[in-house]
């Protein structure tokens, strides 16, 4: 088992954030980035049995900005 799980985090079009784990079927969302940390931890704890849980969760925030020329 990997010691780290990586979530790709994006701002939600409706507001807040959404996070999708790479290599696993785990998705979560929250209104704030701080709340998202808690939700990601909860999702990982629900997805893996204690013996198989990764020891680190990495939240990789991707921000898409559009600049009018």
C-alpha atoms as a PDB file:
ATOM      1  CA  UNK A   1       0.000   0.000   0.000  1.00  0.00           C
ATOM      2  CA  UNK A   2       1.181   3.465  -0.842  1.00  0.00           C
ATOM      3  CA  UNK A   3       2.048   5.739   2.054  1.00  0.00           C
ATOM      4  CA  UNK A   4       0.443   8.707   0.303  1.00  0.00           C
ATOM      5  CA  UNK A   5      -2.824   9.387  -1.486  1.00  0.00           C
ATOM      6  CA  UNK A   6      -3.123  12.398  -3.788  1.00  0.00           C
ATOM      7  CA  UNK A   7      -6.324  14.358  -4.346  1.00  0.00           C
ATOM      8  CA  UNK A   8      -6.739  16.696  -7.300  1.00  0.00           C
ATOM      9  CA  UNK A   9      -8.600  19.716  -5.894  1.00  0.00           C
ATOM     10  CA  UNK A  10     -10.500  22.230  -8.000  1.00  0.00           C
ATOM     11  CA  UNK A  11     -12.823  25.099  -7.239  1.00  0.00           C
ATOM     12  CA  UNK A  12     -16.414  24.011  -7.794  1.00  0.00           C
ATOM     13  CA  UNK A  13     -18.495  26.009 -10.293  1.00  0.00           C
ATOM     14  CA  UNK A  14     -21.215  26.220  -7.603  1.00  0.00           C
ATOM     15  CA  UNK A  15     -18.719  27.524  -5.038  1.00  0.00           C
ATOM     16  CA  UNK A  16     -16.454  25.678  -2.628  1.00  0.00           C
ATOM     17  CA  UNK A  17     -14.069  22.900  -3.598  1.00  0.00           C
ATOM     18  CA  UNK A  18     -14.202  19.380  -4.966  1.00  0.00           C
ATOM     19  CA  UNK A  19     -11.480  16.755  -4.667  1.00  0.00           C
ATOM     20  CA  UNK A  20     -10.931  13.517  -6.580  1.00  0.00           C
ATOM     21  CA  UNK A  21      -8.329  10.965  -5.513  1.00  0.00           C
ATOM     22  CA  UNK A  22      -5.862   9.823  -8.147  1.00  0.00           C
ATOM     23  CA  UNK A  23      -5.817   6.017  -8.577  1.00  0.00           C
ATOM     24  CA  UNK A  24      -8.828   5.488  -6.266  1.00  0.00           C
ATOM     25  CA  UNK A  25     -12.593   5.957  -6.556  1.00  0.00           C
ATOM     26  CA  UNK A  26     -12.812   8.625  -3.863  1.00  0.00           C
ATOM     27  CA  UNK A  27     -14.559  11.971  -4.342  1.00  0.00           C
ATOM     28  CA  UNK A  28     -15.471  14.627  -1.792  1.00  0.00           C
ATOM     29  CA  UNK A  29     -16.481  18.274  -1.712  1.00  0.00           C
ATOM     30  CA  UNK A  30     -16.793  21.113   0.788  1.00  0.00           C
ATOM     31  CA  UNK A  31     -17.635  24.804   1.079  1.00  0.00           C
ATOM     32  CA  UNK A  32     -14.157  25.839   2.279  1.00  0.00           C
ATOM     33  CA  UNK A  33     -10.616  24.546   1.860  1.00  0.00           C
ATOM     34  CA  UNK A  34     -10.341  23.924   5.617  1.00  0.00           C
ATOM     35  CA  UNK A  35     -13.534  21.852   5.552  1.00  0.00           C
ATOM     36  CA  UNK A  36     -12.221  19.980   2.514  1.00  0.00           C
ATOM     37  CA  UNK A  37      -9.229  18.780   4.549  1.00  0.00           C
ATOM     38  CA  UNK A  38     -11.591  17.214   7.080  1.00  0.00           C
ATOM     39  CA  UNK A  39     -13.784  15.715   4.351  1.00  0.00           C
ATOM     40  CA  UNK A  40     -10.770  14.194   2.551  1.00  0.00           C
ATOM     41  CA  UNK A  41      -9.553  12.617   5.788  1.00  0.00           C
ATOM     42  CA  UNK A  42     -13.020  11.219   6.479  1.00  0.00           C
ATOM     43  CA  UNK A  43     -13.296   9.858   2.926  1.00  0.00           C
ATOM     44  CA  UNK A  44      -9.915   8.107   3.176  1.00  0.00           C
ATOM     45  CA  UNK A  45     -10.813   6.648   6.581  1.00  0.00           C
ATOM     46  CA  UNK A  46     -14.086   5.300   5.147  1.00  0.00           C
ATOM     47  CA  UNK A  47     -12.464   3.899   2.004  1.00  0.00           C
ATOM     48  CA  UNK A  48      -9.556   1.988   3.564  1.00  0.00           C
ATOM     49  CA  UNK A  49      -9.394  -0.456   6.466  1.00  0.00           C
ATOM     50  CA  UNK A  50      -7.072   0.792   9.213  1.00  0.00           C
ATOM     51  CA  UNK A  51      -4.221  -1.558   8.242  1.00  0.00           C
ATOM     52  CA  UNK A  52      -4.241  -0.345   4.608  1.00  0.00           C
ATOM     53  CA  UNK A  53      -4.698   3.415   5.099  1.00  0.00           C
ATOM     54  CA  UNK A  54      -2.123   5.765   3.580  1.00  0.00           C
ATOM     55  CA  UNK A  55      -0.194   7.761   6.157  1.00  0.00           C
ATOM     56  CA  UNK A  56      -0.318  11.021   4.130  1.00  0.00           C
ATOM     57  CA  UNK A  57      -2.999  12.845   2.173  1.00  0.00           C
ATOM     58  CA  UNK A  58      -1.777  15.343  -0.404  1.00  0.00           C
ATOM     59  CA  UNK A  59      -4.247  17.959  -1.680  1.00  0.00           C
ATOM     60  CA  UNK A  60      -3.052  19.265  -5.045  1.00  0.00           C
ATOM     61  CA  UNK A  61      -4.956  22.488  -5.768  1.00  0.00           C
ATOM     62  CA  UNK A  62      -5.423  23.298  -9.448  1.00  0.00           C
ATOM     63  CA  UNK A  63      -6.668  26.760 -10.297  1.00  0.00           C
ATOM     64  CA  UNK A  64      -7.769  27.681 -13.783  1.00  0.00           C
ATOM     65  CA  UNK A  65      -7.560  31.410 -14.543  1.00  0.00           C
ATOM     66  CA  UNK A  66      -8.716  33.047 -17.723  1.00  0.00           C
ATOM     67  CA  UNK A  67      -7.252  36.396 -18.754  1.00  0.00           C
ATOM     68  CA  UNK A  68      -9.042  38.407 -21.445  1.00  0.00           C
ATOM     69  CA  UNK A  69      -6.688  39.836 -24.054  1.00  0.00           C
END
